[in-house]
C-alpha atoms as a PDB file:
ATOM      1  CA  UNK A   1      -8.430  12.286 -36.080  1.00  0.00           C
ATOM      2  CA  UNK A   2      -7.941  10.033 -32.789  1.00  0.00           C
ATOM      3  CA  UNK A   3      -4.874  11.533 -30.339  1.00  0.00           C
ATOM      4  CA  UNK A   4      -3.578   7.750 -28.877  1.00  0.00           C
ATOM      5  CA  UNK A   5      -0.555   7.642 -27.380  1.00  0.00           C
ATOM      6  CA  UNK A   6       1.693   5.202 -27.898  1.00  0.00           C
ATOM      7  CA  UNK A   7       2.608   3.257 -25.479  1.00  0.00           C
ATOM      8  CA  UNK A   8       0.421   4.651 -23.153  1.00  0.00           C
ATOM      9  CA  UNK A   9       2.079   6.389 -19.889  1.00  0.00           C
ATOM     10  CA  UNK A  10       2.938   4.335 -16.892  1.00  0.00           C
ATOM     11  CA  UNK A  11       2.142   5.645 -13.559  1.00  0.00           C
ATOM     12  CA  UNK A  12       4.683   6.430 -11.162  1.00  0.00           C
ATOM     13  CA  UNK A  13       5.903   3.986  -8.627  1.00  0.00           C
ATOM     14  CA  UNK A  14       4.396   4.310  -5.146  1.00  0.00           C
ATOM     15  CA  UNK A  15       6.889   5.838  -2.598  1.00  0.00           C
ATOM     16  CA  UNK A  16       6.551   3.561   0.363  1.00  0.00           C
ATOM     17  CA  UNK A  17       8.952   6.101   2.667  1.00  0.00           C
ATOM     18  CA  UNK A  18       6.724   9.301   1.523  1.00  0.00           C
ATOM     19  CA  UNK A  19       4.968  10.254   5.469  1.00  0.00           C
ATOM     20  CA  UNK A  20       0.951  10.668   5.139  1.00  0.00           C
ATOM     21  CA  UNK A  21       1.179  13.700   6.051  1.00  0.00           C
ATOM     22  CA  UNK A  22       3.773  16.627   6.390  1.00  0.00           C
ATOM     23  CA  UNK A  23       5.182  18.409   9.036  1.00  0.00           C
ATOM     24  CA  UNK A  24       3.047  21.350   9.002  1.00  0.00           C
ATOM     25  CA  UNK A  25       0.331  19.454   8.509  1.00  0.00           C
ATOM     26  CA  UNK A  26       1.262  17.205  11.432  1.00  0.00           C
ATOM     27  CA  UNK A  27       1.423  20.759  13.840  1.00  0.00           C
ATOM     28  CA  UNK A  28      -1.305  22.278  12.501  1.00  0.00           C
ATOM     29  CA  UNK A  29      -3.654  19.119  13.208  1.00  0.00           C
ATOM     30  CA  UNK A  30      -1.862  18.555  16.478  1.00  0.00           C
ATOM     31  CA  UNK A  31      -2.073  22.249  17.701  1.00  0.00           C
ATOM     32  CA  UNK A  32      -5.939  21.906  16.698  1.00  0.00           C
ATOM     33  CA  UNK A  33      -6.547  18.645  18.666  1.00  0.00           C
ATOM     34  CA  UNK A  34      -4.938  20.402  21.830  1.00  0.00           C
ATOM     35  CA  UNK A  35      -6.606  23.356  21.678  1.00  0.00           C
ATOM     36  CA  UNK A  36     -10.189  21.383  21.010  1.00  0.00           C
ATOM     37  CA  UNK A  37      -9.332  18.792  24.047  1.00  0.00           C
ATOM     38  CA  UNK A  38      -8.574  22.186  26.054  1.00  0.00           C
ATOM     39  CA  UNK A  39     -11.964  23.880  25.082  1.00  0.00           C
ATOM     40  CA  UNK A  40     -13.586  20.792  25.926  1.00  0.00           C
ATOM     41  CA  UNK A  41     -12.130  19.990  29.211  1.00  0.00           C
ATOM     42  CA  UNK A  42     -12.759  23.671  30.250  1.00  0.00           C
ATOM     43  CA  UNK A  43     -16.417  23.540  29.202  1.00  0.00           C
ATOM     44  CA  UNK A  44     -16.338  20.467  31.249  1.00  0.00           C
ATOM     45  CA  UNK A  45     -14.426  22.008  34.296  1.00  0.00           C
ATOM     46  CA  UNK A  46     -17.421  24.461  33.953  1.00  0.00           C
ATOM     47  CA  UNK A  47     -20.051  22.236  34.808  1.00  0.00           C
ATOM     48  CA  UNK A  48     -21.720  22.114  31.514  1.00  0.00           C
ATOM     49  CA  UNK A  49     -23.019  19.080  29.632  1.00  0.00           C
ATOM     50  CA  UNK A  50     -20.910  16.742  27.864  1.00  0.00           C
ATOM     51  CA  UNK A  51     -22.911  17.538  24.855  1.00  0.00           C
ATOM     52  CA  UNK A  52     -22.236  21.402  25.153  1.00  0.00           C
ATOM     53  CA  UNK A  53     -18.662  20.136  26.187  1.00  0.00           C
ATOM     54  CA  UNK A  54     -18.127  18.202  22.621  1.00  0.00           C
ATOM     55  CA  UNK A  55     -19.625  21.013  20.323  1.00  0.00           C
ATOM     56  CA  UNK A  56     -17.202  23.590  22.196  1.00  0.00           C
ATOM     57  CA  UNK A  57     -14.201  20.916  21.551  1.00  0.00           C
ATOM     58  CA  UNK A  58     -15.210  20.681  17.958  1.00  0.00           C
ATOM     59  CA  UNK A  59     -15.958  24.353  17.262  1.00  0.00           C
ATOM     60  CA  UNK A  60     -12.717  25.089  18.747  1.00  0.00           C
ATOM     61  CA  UNK A  61     -10.412  22.662  16.880  1.00  0.00           C
ATOM     62  CA  UNK A  62     -12.119  23.785  13.579  1.00  0.00           C
ATOM     63  CA  UNK A  63     -11.252  27.259  14.434  1.00  0.00           C
ATOM     64  CA  UNK A  64      -7.995  26.216  15.401  1.00  0.00           C
ATOM     65  CA  UNK A  65      -7.083  24.602  12.414  1.00  0.00           C
ATOM     66  CA  UNK A  66      -8.084  27.100  10.553  1.00  0.00           C
ATOM     67  CA  UNK A  67      -5.721  30.119  12.968  1.00  0.00           C
ATOM     68  CA  UNK A  68      -2.770  27.754  12.969  1.00  0.00           C
ATOM     69  CA  UNK A  69      -2.854  27.332   8.839  1.00  0.00           C
ATOM     70  CA  UNK A  70      -2.342  30.845   9.018  1.00  0.00           C
ATOM     71  CA  UNK A  71       0.194  31.634  11.566  1.00  0.00           C
ATOM     72  CA  UNK A  72       2.659  28.934  10.862  1.00  0.00           C
ATOM     73  CA  UNK A  73       4.405  28.883   7.439  1.00  0.00           C
END
């Protein structure tokens, strides 16, 4: 026996006013990017080559996302 629904379900209408990110996610990503930029800038100012600074900034950004996700409610 087949389980068919008639009529088929209608997908919900897209909400055009819905934001892409909620406020909490936007704040977490903003703070993480700022922390990464700060770490990269401090690495450059410490006379390290730019690949080291990019790596440090990316690592700081990833760590900051995890950190701010835990502390921001």
